[in-house]
PDB file of N, CA and C in Angstrom:
ATOM      1  N   MET A   1       0.845  -1.184   0.000  1.00  0.00           N
ATOM      2  CA  MET A   1       0.000   0.000   0.000  1.00  0.00           C
ATOM      3  C   MET A   1       0.885   1.239   0.000  1.00  0.00           C
ATOM      4  N   MET A   2       0.454   2.206  -0.790  1.00  0.00           N
ATOM      5  CA  MET A   2       1.212   3.448  -0.902  1.00  0.00           C
ATOM      6  C   MET A   2       0.349   4.608  -0.424  1.00  0.00           C
ATOM      7  N   GLU A   3       0.899   5.445   0.427  1.00  0.00           N
ATOM      8  CA  GLU A   3       0.153   6.598   0.920  1.00  0.00           C
ATOM      9  C   GLU A   3       0.170   7.704  -0.130  1.00  0.00           C
ATOM     10  N   ILE A   4      -1.005   8.275  -0.370  1.00  0.00           N
ATOM     11  CA  ILE A   4      -1.164   9.313  -1.386  1.00  0.00           C
ATOM     12  C   ILE A   4      -1.800  10.538  -0.731  1.00  0.00           C
ATOM     13  N   THR A   5      -1.297  11.703  -1.052  1.00  0.00           N
ATOM     14  CA  THR A   5      -1.925  12.922  -0.535  1.00  0.00           C
ATOM     15  C   THR A   5      -3.128  13.277  -1.407  1.00  0.00           C
ATOM     16  N   ARG A   6      -4.048  13.980  -0.813  1.00  0.00           N
ATOM     17  CA  ARG A   6      -5.222  14.461  -1.549  1.00  0.00           C
ATOM     18  C   ARG A   6      -4.774  15.368  -2.703  1.00  0.00           C
ATOM     19  N   GLU A   7      -3.738  16.179  -2.455  1.00  0.00           N
ATOM     20  CA  GLU A   7      -3.225  17.089  -3.475  1.00  0.00           C
ATOM     21  C   GLU A   7      -2.682  16.321  -4.670  1.00  0.00           C
ATOM     22  N   LYS A   8      -2.034  15.188  -4.407  1.00  0.00           N
ATOM     23  CA  LYS A   8      -1.500  14.356  -5.492  1.00  0.00           C
ATOM     24  C   LYS A   8      -2.640  13.831  -6.364  1.00  0.00           C
ATOM     25  N   ILE A   9      -3.693  13.347  -5.747  1.00  0.00           N
ATOM     26  CA  ILE A   9      -4.831  12.835  -6.524  1.00  0.00           C
ATOM     27  C   ILE A   9      -5.476  13.969  -7.314  1.00  0.00           C
ATOM     28  N   GLU A  10      -5.648  15.126  -6.685  1.00  0.00           N
ATOM     29  CA  GLU A  10      -6.219  16.276  -7.391  1.00  0.00           C
ATOM     30  C   GLU A  10      -5.379  16.620  -8.619  1.00  0.00           C
ATOM     31  N   SER A  11      -4.071  16.631  -8.452  1.00  0.00           N
ATOM     32  CA  SER A  11      -3.167  16.927  -9.557  1.00  0.00           C
ATOM     33  C   SER A  11      -3.304  15.899 -10.679  1.00  0.00           C
ATOM     34  N   LEU A  12      -3.400  14.629 -10.322  1.00  0.00           N
ATOM     35  CA  LEU A  12      -3.552  13.573 -11.332  1.00  0.00           C
ATOM     36  C   LEU A  12      -4.883  13.684 -12.068  1.00  0.00           C
ATOM     37  N   VAL A  13      -5.944  14.044 -11.347  1.00  0.00           N
ATOM     38  CA  VAL A  13      -7.254  14.226 -11.977  1.00  0.00           C
ATOM     39  C   VAL A  13      -7.183  15.368 -12.990  1.00  0.00           C
ATOM     40  N   ILE A  14      -6.575  16.480 -12.607  1.00  0.00           N
ATOM     41  CA  ILE A  14      -6.434  17.629 -13.508  1.00  0.00           C
ATOM     42  C   ILE A  14      -5.618  17.247 -14.736  1.00  0.00           C
ATOM     43  N   GLN A  15      -4.517  16.534 -14.524  1.00  0.00           N
ATOM     44  CA  GLN A  15      -3.698  16.088 -15.659  1.00  0.00           C
ATOM     45  C   GLN A  15      -4.507  15.218 -16.612  1.00  0.00           C
ATOM     46  N   CYS A  16      -5.302  14.336 -16.062  1.00  0.00           N
ATOM     47  CA  CYS A  16      -6.113  13.446 -16.881  1.00  0.00           C
ATOM     48  C   CYS A  16      -7.112  14.251 -17.719  1.00  0.00           C
ATOM     49  N   ILE A  17      -7.757  15.212 -17.108  1.00  0.00           N
ATOM     50  CA  ILE A  17      -8.718  16.048 -17.837  1.00  0.00           C
ATOM     51  C   ILE A  17      -8.013  16.827 -18.936  1.00  0.00           C
ATOM     52  N   GLU A  18      -6.841  17.355 -18.640  1.00  0.00           N
ATOM     53  CA  GLU A  18      -6.095  18.138 -19.632  1.00  0.00           C
ATOM     54  C   GLU A  18      -5.677  17.306 -20.835  1.00  0.00           C
ATOM     55  N   THR A  19      -5.517  16.002 -20.645  1.00  0.00           N
ATOM     56  CA  THR A  19      -5.090  15.151 -21.766  1.00  0.00           C
ATOM     57  C   THR A  19      -6.254  14.573 -22.566  1.00  0.00           C
ATOM     58  N   LEU A  20      -7.491  14.854 -22.133  1.00  0.00           N
ATOM     59  CA  LEU A  20      -8.639  14.392 -22.908  1.00  0.00           C
ATOM     60  C   LEU A  20      -8.645  15.073 -24.276  1.00  0.00           C
ATOM     61  N   PRO A  21      -9.083  14.370 -25.306  1.00  0.00           N
ATOM     62  CA  PRO A  21      -9.208  15.021 -26.619  1.00  0.00           C
ATOM     63  C   PRO A  21     -10.181  16.200 -26.538  1.00  0.00           C
ATOM     64  N   ASP A  22      -9.923  17.227 -27.335  1.00  0.00           N
ATOM     65  CA  ASP A  22     -10.736  18.445 -27.304  1.00  0.00           C
ATOM     66  C   ASP A  22     -12.219  18.161 -27.524  1.00  0.00           C
ATOM     67  N   GLU A  23     -12.550  17.195 -28.379  1.00  0.00           N
ATOM     68  CA  GLU A  23     -13.964  16.914 -28.657  1.00  0.00           C
ATOM     69  C   GLU A  23     -14.704  16.387 -27.425  1.00  0.00           C
ATOM     70  N   PHE A  24     -13.955  15.858 -26.448  1.00  0.00           N
ATOM     71  CA  PHE A  24     -14.561  15.442 -25.186  1.00  0.00           C
ATOM     72  C   PHE A  24     -14.547  16.589 -24.170  1.00  0.00           C
ATOM     73  N   LYS A  25     -13.433  17.311 -24.111  1.00  0.00           N
ATOM     74  CA  LYS A  25     -13.319  18.408 -23.142  1.00  0.00           C
ATOM     75  C   LYS A  25     -14.409  19.458 -23.319  1.00  0.00           C
ATOM     76  N   VAL A  26     -14.763  19.770 -24.558  1.00  0.00           N
ATOM     77  CA  VAL A  26     -15.771  20.803 -24.787  1.00  0.00           C
ATOM     78  C   VAL A  26     -17.157  20.367 -24.315  1.00  0.00           C
ATOM     79  N   LYS A  27     -17.352  19.079 -24.106  1.00  0.00           N
ATOM     80  CA  LYS A  27     -18.653  18.571 -23.658  1.00  0.00           C
ATOM     81  C   LYS A  27     -18.745  18.441 -22.141  1.00  0.00           C
ATOM     82  N   LEU A  28     -17.681  18.750 -21.436  1.00  0.00           N
ATOM     83  CA  LEU A  28     -17.694  18.667 -19.979  1.00  0.00           C
ATOM     84  C   LEU A  28     -18.341  19.921 -19.417  1.00  0.00           C
ATOM     85  N   GLU A  29     -19.522  19.738 -18.870  1.00  0.00           N
ATOM     86  CA  GLU A  29     -20.220  20.863 -18.266  1.00  0.00           C
ATOM     87  C   GLU A  29     -21.091  20.363 -17.123  1.00  0.00           C
ATOM     88  N   ASN A  30     -21.285  21.212 -16.160  1.00  0.00           N
ATOM     89  CA  ASN A  30     -22.140  20.909 -15.014  1.00  0.00           C
ATOM     90  C   ASN A  30     -21.708  19.604 -14.335  1.00  0.00           C
ATOM     91  N   ILE A  31     -20.415  19.509 -14.046  1.00  0.00           N
ATOM     92  CA  ILE A  31     -19.893  18.308 -13.397  1.00  0.00           C
ATOM     93  C   ILE A  31     -18.863  18.699 -12.342  1.00  0.00           C
ATOM     94  N   ASP A  32     -18.967  18.071 -11.185  1.00  0.00           N
ATOM     95  CA  ASP A  32     -18.004  18.268 -10.102  1.00  0.00           C
ATOM     96  C   ASP A  32     -17.219  16.976  -9.920  1.00  0.00           C
ATOM     97  N   ILE A  33     -15.970  17.129  -9.570  1.00  0.00           N
ATOM     98  CA  ILE A  33     -15.145  15.974  -9.228  1.00  0.00           C
ATOM     99  C   ILE A  33     -14.671  16.171  -7.796  1.00  0.00           C
ATOM    100  N   VAL A  34     -14.957  15.194  -6.957  1.00  0.00           N
ATOM    101  CA  VAL A  34     -14.585  15.282  -5.553  1.00  0.00           C
ATOM    102  C   VAL A  34     -13.756  14.067  -5.161  1.00  0.00           C
ATOM    103  N   ILE A  35     -12.992  14.258  -4.114  1.00  0.00           N
ATOM    104  CA  ILE A  35     -12.166  13.168  -3.591  1.00  0.00           C
ATOM    105  C   ILE A  35     -12.623  12.892  -2.170  1.00  0.00           C
ATOM    106  N   GLU A  36     -12.959  11.641  -1.919  1.00  0.00           N
ATOM    107  CA  GLU A  36     -13.347  11.214  -0.581  1.00  0.00           C
ATOM    108  C   GLU A  36     -12.453  10.038  -0.194  1.00  0.00           C
ATOM    109  N   ASP A  37     -12.373   9.784   1.112  1.00  0.00           N
ATOM    110  CA  ASP A  37     -11.536   8.675   1.561  1.00  0.00           C
ATOM    111  C   ASP A  37     -12.120   7.329   1.147  1.00  0.00           C
ATOM    112  N   TYR A  38     -13.392   7.098   1.473  1.00  0.00           N
ATOM    113  CA  TYR A  38     -14.059   5.826   1.183  1.00  0.00           C
ATOM    114  C   TYR A  38     -15.479   6.085   0.703  1.00  0.00           C
ATOM    115  N   PRO A  39     -16.053   5.140  -0.039  1.00  0.00           N
ATOM    116  CA  PRO A  39     -17.476   5.268  -0.368  1.00  0.00           C
ATOM    117  C   PRO A  39     -18.335   4.979   0.855  1.00  0.00           C
ATOM    118  N   LYS A  40     -19.533   5.485   0.840  1.00  0.00           N
ATOM    119  CA  LYS A  40     -20.480   5.165   1.907  1.00  0.00           C
ATOM    120  C   LYS A  40     -20.863   3.692   1.773  1.00  0.00           C
ATOM    121  N   LYS A  41     -21.047   3.039   2.888  1.00  0.00           N
ATOM    122  CA  LYS A  41     -21.429   1.624   2.891  1.00  0.00           C
ATOM    123  C   LYS A  41     -22.872   1.480   2.416  1.00  0.00           C
ATOM    124  N   THR A  42     -23.070   0.655   1.395  1.00  0.00           N
ATOM    125  CA  THR A  42     -24.411   0.321   0.934  1.00  0.00           C
ATOM    126  C   THR A  42     -24.436  -1.155   0.574  1.00  0.00           C
ATOM    127  N   LYS A  43     -25.617  -1.675   0.380  1.00  0.00           N
ATOM    128  CA  LYS A  43     -25.757  -3.081  -0.015  1.00  0.00           C
ATOM    129  C   LYS A  43     -25.254  -3.304  -1.435  1.00  0.00           C
ATOM    130  N   LYS A  44     -25.222  -2.235  -2.239  1.00  0.00           N
ATOM    131  CA  LYS A  44     -24.776  -2.352  -3.629  1.00  0.00           C
ATOM    132  C   LYS A  44     -23.256  -2.429  -3.748  1.00  0.00           C
ATOM    133  N   ASN A  45     -22.530  -1.901  -2.766  1.00  0.00           N
ATOM    134  CA  ASN A  45     -21.068  -1.906  -2.819  1.00  0.00           C
ATOM    135  C   ASN A  45     -20.547  -3.341  -2.745  1.00  0.00           C
ATOM    136  N   LYS A  46     -19.952  -3.783  -3.802  1.00  0.00           N
ATOM    137  CA  LYS A  46     -19.329  -5.106  -3.824  1.00  0.00           C
ATOM    138  C   LYS A  46     -17.892  -4.900  -4.271  1.00  0.00           C
ATOM    139  N   GLY A  47     -16.966  -5.458  -3.557  1.00  0.00           N
ATOM    140  CA  GLY A  47     -15.568  -5.258  -3.903  1.00  0.00           C
ATOM    141  C   GLY A  47     -15.081  -3.889  -3.477  1.00  0.00           C
ATOM    142  N   ILE A  48     -14.001  -3.470  -4.083  1.00  0.00           N
ATOM    143  CA  ILE A  48     -13.401  -2.178  -3.750  1.00  0.00           C
ATOM    144  C   ILE A  48     -13.811  -1.166  -4.810  1.00  0.00           C
ATOM    145  N   MET A  49     -14.555  -0.156  -4.403  1.00  0.00           N
ATOM    146  CA  MET A  49     -14.991   0.891  -5.318  1.00  0.00           C
ATOM    147  C   MET A  49     -13.932   1.983  -5.363  1.00  0.00           C
ATOM    148  N   LEU A  50     -13.437   2.280  -6.562  1.00  0.00           N
ATOM    149  CA  LEU A  50     -12.393   3.288  -6.730  1.00  0.00           C
ATOM    150  C   LEU A  50     -12.959   4.638  -7.160  1.00  0.00           C
ATOM    151  N   GLY A  51     -14.104   4.612  -7.824  1.00  0.00           N
ATOM    152  CA  GLY A  51     -14.729   5.837  -8.283  1.00  0.00           C
ATOM    153  C   GLY A  51     -16.217   5.626  -8.452  1.00  0.00           C
ATOM    154  N   LEU A  52     -16.947   6.735  -8.556  1.00  0.00           N
ATOM    155  CA  LEU A  52     -18.399   6.663  -8.699  1.00  0.00           C
ATOM    156  C   LEU A  52     -18.884   7.862  -9.494  1.00  0.00           C
ATOM    157  N   TYR A  53     -19.715   7.585 -10.499  1.00  0.00           N
ATOM    158  CA  TYR A  53     -20.378   8.654 -11.261  1.00  0.00           C
ATOM    159  C   TYR A  53     -21.824   8.719 -10.814  1.00  0.00           C
ATOM    160  N   GLN A  54     -22.295   9.926 -10.523  1.00  0.00           N
ATOM    161  CA  GLN A  54     -23.688  10.147 -10.163  1.00  0.00           C
ATOM    162  C   GLN A  54     -24.213  11.308 -10.994  1.00  0.00           C
ATOM    163  N   GLY A  55     -25.265  11.066 -11.728  1.00  0.00           N
ATOM    164  CA  GLY A  55     -25.843  12.136 -12.523  1.00  0.00           C
ATOM    165  C   GLY A  55     -26.623  11.609 -13.708  1.00  0.00           C
ATOM    166  N   VAL A  56     -26.870  12.498 -14.658  1.00  0.00           N
ATOM    167  CA  VAL A  56     -27.576  12.151 -15.886  1.00  0.00           C
ATOM    168  C   VAL A  56     -26.552  12.182 -17.011  1.00  0.00           C
ATOM    169  N   PRO A  57     -26.253  11.015 -17.595  1.00  0.00           N
ATOM    170  CA  PRO A  57     -25.273  10.997 -18.692  1.00  0.00           C
ATOM    171  C   PRO A  57     -25.700  11.936 -19.826  1.00  0.00           C
ATOM    172  N   ILE A  58     -24.731  12.533 -20.493  1.00  0.00           N
ATOM    173  CA  ILE A  58     -25.080  13.502 -21.542  1.00  0.00           C
ATOM    174  C   ILE A  58     -25.846  12.839 -22.678  1.00  0.00           C
ATOM    175  N   SER A  59     -25.682  11.541 -22.844  1.00  0.00           N
ATOM    176  CA  SER A  59     -26.421  10.840 -23.892  1.00  0.00           C
ATOM    177  C   SER A  59     -27.915  10.741 -23.575  1.00  0.00           C
ATOM    178  N   GLU A  60     -28.300  10.999 -22.330  1.00  0.00           N
ATOM    179  CA  GLU A  60     -29.707  10.910 -21.916  1.00  0.00           C
ATOM    180  C   GLU A  60     -30.331  12.271 -21.646  1.00  0.00           C
ATOM    181  N   ARG A  61     -29.588  13.327 -21.842  1.00  0.00           N
ATOM    182  CA  ARG A  61     -30.114  14.662 -21.559  1.00  0.00           C
ATOM    183  C   ARG A  61     -30.939  15.148 -22.742  1.00  0.00           C
ATOM    184  N   GLY A  62     -32.015  15.815 -22.419  1.00  0.00           N
ATOM    185  CA  GLY A  62     -32.862  16.383 -23.456  1.00  0.00           C
ATOM    186  C   GLY A  62     -33.051  17.868 -23.220  1.00  0.00           C
ATOM    187  N   PHE A  63     -34.034  18.415 -23.887  1.00  0.00           N
ATOM    188  CA  PHE A  63     -34.288  19.846 -23.764  1.00  0.00           C
ATOM    189  C   PHE A  63     -34.674  20.234 -22.334  1.00  0.00           C
ATOM    190  N   TRP A  64     -35.164  19.277 -21.567  1.00  0.00           N
ATOM    191  CA  TRP A  64     -35.588  19.511 -20.188  1.00  0.00           C
ATOM    192  C   TRP A  64     -34.417  19.635 -19.223  1.00  0.00           C
ATOM    193  N   TYR A  65     -33.208  19.316 -19.678  1.00  0.00           N
ATOM    194  CA  TYR A  65     -32.043  19.293 -18.781  1.00  0.00           C
ATOM    195  C   TYR A  65     -31.539  20.715 -18.555  1.00  0.00           C
ATOM    196  N   ASN A  66     -32.039  21.362 -17.519  1.00  0.00           N
ATOM    197  CA  ASN A  66     -31.543  22.681 -17.115  1.00  0.00           C
ATOM    198  C   ASN A  66     -31.902  22.896 -15.656  1.00  0.00           C
ATOM    199  N   ASN A  67     -31.192  23.805 -15.036  1.00  0.00           N
ATOM    200  CA  ASN A  67     -31.380  24.100 -13.616  1.00  0.00           C
ATOM    201  C   ASN A  67     -31.305  22.853 -12.739  1.00  0.00           C
ATOM    202  N   VAL A  68     -30.321  22.010 -13.005  1.00  0.00           N
ATOM    203  CA  VAL A  68     -30.127  20.792 -12.209  1.00  0.00           C
ATOM    204  C   VAL A  68     -28.787  20.878 -11.481  1.00  0.00           C
ATOM    205  N   LEU A  69     -28.686  20.139 -10.403  1.00  0.00           N
ATOM    206  CA  LEU A  69     -27.413  20.074  -9.692  1.00  0.00           C
ATOM    207  C   LEU A  69     -26.363  19.442 -10.596  1.00  0.00           C
ATOM    208  N   PRO A  70     -25.106  19.769 -10.377  1.00  0.00           N
ATOM    209  CA  PRO A  70     -24.050  19.179 -11.206  1.00  0.00           C
ATOM    210  C   PRO A  70     -23.978  17.660 -11.039  1.00  0.00           C
ATOM    211  N   ASP A  71     -23.587  16.986 -12.118  1.00  0.00           N
ATOM    212  CA  ASP A  71     -23.235  15.582 -12.003  1.00  0.00           C
ATOM    213  C   ASP A  71     -22.008  15.525 -11.112  1.00  0.00           C
ATOM    214  N   LYS A  72     -21.728  14.344 -10.584  1.00  0.00           N
ATOM    215  CA  LYS A  72     -20.628  14.230  -9.625  1.00  0.00           C
ATOM    216  C   LYS A  72     -19.819  12.973  -9.905  1.00  0.00           C
ATOM    217  N   ILE A  73     -18.522  13.155  -9.968  1.00  0.00           N
ATOM    218  CA  ILE A  73     -17.591  12.027 -10.014  1.00  0.00           C
ATOM    219  C   ILE A  73     -16.825  12.059  -8.704  1.00  0.00           C
ATOM    220  N   THR A  74     -16.848  10.929  -8.005  1.00  0.00           N
ATOM    221  CA  THR A  74     -16.126  10.828  -6.740  1.00  0.00           C
ATOM    222  C   THR A  74     -14.989   9.833  -6.913  1.00  0.00           C
ATOM    223  N   ILE A  75     -13.810  10.235  -6.490  1.00  0.00           N
ATOM    224  CA  ILE A  75     -12.622   9.384  -6.503  1.00  0.00           C
ATOM    225  C   ILE A  75     -12.358   8.989  -5.054  1.00  0.00           C
ATOM    226  N   PHE A  76     -12.192   7.684  -4.798  1.00  0.00           N
ATOM    227  CA  PHE A  76     -12.019   7.192  -3.435  1.00  0.00           C
ATOM    228  C   PHE A  76     -10.542   6.935  -3.139  1.00  0.00           C
ATOM    229  N   LYS A  77      -9.947   7.913  -2.506  1.00  0.00           N
ATOM    230  CA  LYS A  77      -8.512   7.975  -2.231  1.00  0.00           C
ATOM    231  C   LYS A  77      -7.974   6.731  -1.520  1.00  0.00           C
ATOM    232  N   ASN A  78      -8.567   6.377  -0.395  1.00  0.00           N
ATOM    233  CA  ASN A  78      -8.004   5.277   0.400  1.00  0.00           C
ATOM    234  C   ASN A  78      -8.131   3.926  -0.301  1.00  0.00           C
ATOM    235  N   ASN A  79      -9.177   3.738  -1.090  1.00  0.00           N
ATOM    236  CA  ASN A  79      -9.295   2.491  -1.843  1.00  0.00           C
ATOM    237  C   ASN A  79      -8.231   2.401  -2.928  1.00  0.00           C
ATOM    238  N   ILE A  80      -7.922   3.525  -3.555  1.00  0.00           N
ATOM    239  CA  ILE A  80      -6.849   3.539  -4.551  1.00  0.00           C
ATOM    240  C   ILE A  80      -5.520   3.255  -3.868  1.00  0.00           C
ATOM    241  N   GLU A  81      -5.287   3.900  -2.723  1.00  0.00           N
ATOM    242  CA  GLU A  81      -4.059   3.643  -1.954  1.00  0.00           C
ATOM    243  C   GLU A  81      -3.876   2.159  -1.656  1.00  0.00           C
ATOM    244  N   SER A  82      -4.968   1.502  -1.292  1.00  0.00           N
ATOM    245  CA  SER A  82      -4.874   0.102  -0.876  1.00  0.00           C
ATOM    246  C   SER A  82      -4.441  -0.828  -2.007  1.00  0.00           C
ATOM    247  N   LEU A  83      -4.595  -0.382  -3.250  1.00  0.00           N
ATOM    248  CA  LEU A  83      -4.249  -1.222  -4.394  1.00  0.00           C
ATOM    249  C   LEU A  83      -2.894  -0.898  -5.005  1.00  0.00           C
ATOM    250  N   CYS A  84      -2.322   0.233  -4.637  1.00  0.00           N
ATOM    251  CA  CYS A  84      -1.112   0.717  -5.314  1.00  0.00           C
ATOM    252  C   CYS A  84       0.145   0.488  -4.477  1.00  0.00           C
ATOM    253  N   ASN A  85       1.200   0.077  -5.181  1.00  0.00           N
ATOM    254  CA  ASN A  85       2.486  -0.169  -4.524  1.00  0.00           C
ATOM    255  C   ASN A  85       3.579   0.794  -4.963  1.00  0.00           C
ATOM    256  N   SER A  86       3.282   1.626  -5.959  1.00  0.00           N
ATOM    257  CA  SER A  86       4.301   2.542  -6.459  1.00  0.00           C
ATOM    258  C   SER A  86       3.639   3.809  -6.998  1.00  0.00           C
ATOM    259  N   GLU A  87       4.450   4.812  -7.220  1.00  0.00           N
ATOM    260  CA  GLU A  87       3.976   6.072  -7.794  1.00  0.00           C
ATOM    261  C   GLU A  87       3.350   5.818  -9.170  1.00  0.00           C
ATOM    262  N   GLU A  88       3.960   4.939  -9.936  1.00  0.00           N
ATOM    263  CA  GLU A  88       3.441   4.601 -11.263  1.00  0.00           C
ATOM    264  C   GLU A  88       2.062   3.935 -11.160  1.00  0.00           C
ATOM    265  N   ASP A  89       1.900   3.038 -10.187  1.00  0.00           N
ATOM    266  CA  ASP A  89       0.592   2.406  -9.957  1.00  0.00           C
ATOM    267  C   ASP A  89      -0.471   3.466  -9.661  1.00  0.00           C
ATOM    268  N   VAL A  90      -0.122   4.424  -8.817  1.00  0.00           N
ATOM    269  CA  VAL A  90      -1.056   5.490  -8.460  1.00  0.00           C
ATOM    270  C   VAL A  90      -1.442   6.280  -9.707  1.00  0.00           C
ATOM    271  N   ASP A  91      -0.447   6.707 -10.476  1.00  0.00           N
ATOM    272  CA  ASP A  91      -0.706   7.487 -11.687  1.00  0.00           C
ATOM    273  C   ASP A  91      -1.639   6.740 -12.633  1.00  0.00           C
ATOM    274  N   ASN A  92      -1.333   5.483 -12.897  1.00  0.00           N
ATOM    275  CA  ASN A  92      -2.130   4.689 -13.827  1.00  0.00           C
ATOM    276  C   ASN A  92      -3.532   4.418 -13.292  1.00  0.00           C
ATOM    277  N   THR A  93      -3.637   4.106 -12.014  1.00  0.00           N
ATOM    278  CA  THR A  93      -4.936   3.783 -11.430  1.00  0.00           C
ATOM    279  C   THR A  93      -5.851   4.995 -11.428  1.00  0.00           C
ATOM    280  N   VAL A  94      -5.344   6.152 -11.013  1.00  0.00           N
ATOM    281  CA  VAL A  94      -6.173   7.361 -10.998  1.00  0.00           C
ATOM    282  C   VAL A  94      -6.631   7.684 -12.414  1.00  0.00           C
ATOM    283  N   LYS A  95      -5.729   7.592 -13.383  1.00  0.00           N
ATOM    284  CA  LYS A  95      -6.096   7.864 -14.774  1.00  0.00           C
ATOM    285  C   LYS A  95      -7.202   6.916 -15.235  1.00  0.00           C
ATOM    286  N   GLU A  96      -7.056   5.640 -14.953  1.00  0.00           N
ATOM    287  CA  GLU A  96      -8.063   4.658 -15.355  1.00  0.00           C
ATOM    288  C   GLU A  96      -9.413   4.938 -14.694  1.00  0.00           C
ATOM    289  N   VAL A  97      -9.393   5.284 -13.420  1.00  0.00           N
ATOM    290  CA  VAL A  97     -10.642   5.554 -12.695  1.00  0.00           C
ATOM    291  C   VAL A  97     -11.328   6.793 -13.268  1.00  0.00           C
ATOM    292  N   VAL A  98     -10.571   7.848 -13.497  1.00  0.00           N
ATOM    293  CA  VAL A  98     -11.154   9.086 -14.027  1.00  0.00           C
ATOM    294  C   VAL A  98     -11.749   8.837 -15.409  1.00  0.00           C
ATOM    295  N   ILE A  99     -11.021   8.156 -16.269  1.00  0.00           N
ATOM    296  CA  ILE A  99     -11.531   7.870 -17.616  1.00  0.00           C
ATOM    297  C   ILE A  99     -12.770   6.977 -17.538  1.00  0.00           C
ATOM    298  N   HIS A 100     -12.745   5.998 -16.652  1.00  0.00           N
ATOM    299  CA  HIS A 100     -13.891   5.105 -16.473  1.00  0.00           C
ATOM    300  C   HIS A 100     -15.136   5.900 -16.072  1.00  0.00           C
ATOM    301  N   GLU A 101     -14.983   6.794 -15.103  1.00  0.00           N
ATOM    302  CA  GLU A 101     -16.135   7.566 -14.639  1.00  0.00           C
ATOM    303  C   GLU A 101     -16.596   8.578 -15.683  1.00  0.00           C
ATOM    304  N   PHE A 102     -15.682   9.170 -16.435  1.00  0.00           N
ATOM    305  CA  PHE A 102     -16.079  10.052 -17.534  1.00  0.00           C
ATOM    306  C   PHE A 102     -16.831   9.265 -18.603  1.00  0.00           C
ATOM    307  N   ALA A 103     -16.464   8.022 -18.811  1.00  0.00           N
ATOM    308  CA  ALA A 103     -17.190   7.189 -19.775  1.00  0.00           C
ATOM    309  C   ALA A 103     -18.652   7.054 -19.357  1.00  0.00           C
ATOM    310  N   HIS A 104     -18.904   6.903 -18.057  1.00  0.00           N
ATOM    311  CA  HIS A 104     -20.291   6.883 -17.573  1.00  0.00           C
ATOM    312  C   HIS A 104     -20.964   8.225 -17.865  1.00  0.00           C
ATOM    313  N   TYR A 105     -20.256   9.317 -17.634  1.00  0.00           N
ATOM    314  CA  TYR A 105     -20.783  10.656 -17.904  1.00  0.00           C
ATOM    315  C   TYR A 105     -21.217  10.774 -19.367  1.00  0.00           C
ATOM    316  N   PHE A 106     -20.439  10.157 -20.271  1.00  0.00           N
ATOM    317  CA  PHE A 106     -20.763  10.210 -21.693  1.00  0.00           C
ATOM    318  C   PHE A 106     -21.789   9.162 -22.108  1.00  0.00           C
ATOM    319  N   GLY A 107     -22.227   8.324 -21.164  1.00  0.00           N
ATOM    320  CA  GLY A 107     -23.329   7.420 -21.451  1.00  0.00           C
ATOM    321  C   GLY A 107     -22.984   5.952 -21.622  1.00  0.00           C
ATOM    322  N   LEU A 108     -21.738   5.565 -21.422  1.00  0.00           N
ATOM    323  CA  LEU A 108     -21.380   4.159 -21.555  1.00  0.00           C
ATOM    324  C   LEU A 108     -21.728   3.403 -20.276  1.00  0.00           C
ATOM    325  N   ASP A 109     -22.166   2.156 -20.430  1.00  0.00           N
ATOM    326  CA  ASP A 109     -22.427   1.325 -19.262  1.00  0.00           C
ATOM    327  C   ASP A 109     -21.185   0.487 -18.950  1.00  0.00           C
ATOM    328  N   GLU A 110     -21.238  -0.268 -17.862  1.00  0.00           N
ATOM    329  CA  GLU A 110     -20.070  -1.043 -17.416  1.00  0.00           C
ATOM    330  C   GLU A 110     -19.545  -1.983 -18.505  1.00  0.00           C
ATOM    331  N   LYS A 111     -20.441  -2.668 -19.164  1.00  0.00           N
ATOM    332  CA  LYS A 111     -20.038  -3.621 -20.206  1.00  0.00           C
ATOM    333  C   LYS A 111     -19.300  -2.928 -21.344  1.00  0.00           C
ATOM    334  N   GLN A 112     -19.828  -1.799 -21.784  1.00  0.00           N
ATOM    335  CA  GLN A 112     -19.200  -1.035 -22.859  1.00  0.00           C
ATOM    336  C   GLN A 112     -17.834  -0.511 -22.438  1.00  0.00           C
ATOM    337  N   ILE A 113     -17.746  -0.044 -21.196  1.00  0.00           N
ATOM    338  CA  ILE A 113     -16.476   0.493 -20.695  1.00  0.00           C
ATOM    339  C   ILE A 113     -15.437  -0.615 -20.607  1.00  0.00           C
ATOM    340  N   ARG A 114     -15.821  -1.768 -20.109  1.00  0.00           N
ATOM    341  CA  ARG A 114     -14.884  -2.897 -19.967  1.00  0.00           C
ATOM    342  C   ARG A 114     -14.322  -3.298 -21.328  1.00  0.00           C
ATOM    343  N   LYS A 115     -15.139  -3.193 -22.381  1.00  0.00           N
ATOM    344  CA  LYS A 115     -14.664  -3.519 -23.732  1.00  0.00           C
ATOM    345  C   LYS A 115     -13.548  -2.601 -24.183  1.00  0.00           C
ATOM    346  N   THR A 116     -13.538  -1.354 -23.657  1.00  0.00           N
ATOM    347  CA  THR A 116     -12.494  -0.404 -24.024  1.00  0.00           C
ATOM    348  C   THR A 116     -11.219  -0.601 -23.212  1.00  0.00           C
ATOM    349  N   GLY A 117     -11.294  -1.428 -22.170  1.00  0.00           N
ATOM    350  CA  GLY A 117     -10.133  -1.666 -21.346  1.00  0.00           C
ATOM    351  C   GLY A 117     -10.095  -0.866 -20.055  1.00  0.00           C
ATOM    352  N   TYR A 118     -11.135  -0.097 -19.807  1.00  0.00           N
ATOM    353  CA  TYR A 118     -11.183   0.692 -18.573  1.00  0.00           C
ATOM    354  C   TYR A 118     -12.248   0.126 -17.679  1.00  0.00           C
TER     355      TYR A 118
END
């Protein structure tokens, strides 16, 4: 297990967003990204959750989509720490989690995302 600072994860998230292709970056709107230590315990949580997307994917938004709270991507710091043994592991894992959760934002489901390798 490798200890990671919140600032390090924030920096990695920003780097990941900056490297997104422009055609994706321009579609990022009304979304917050937060870092929490652990997910809340629920019956749905199975295994180690590294990230979570909550909101209405842009593929499902219609003309009615206005005046709504921002979508939210949560990155779970301590769960990522528990899986990583090196700085490189941290970098790669955070990148994979952020891309995975953005894929949900763009409307992909788990099966579709897994096909892409994330």
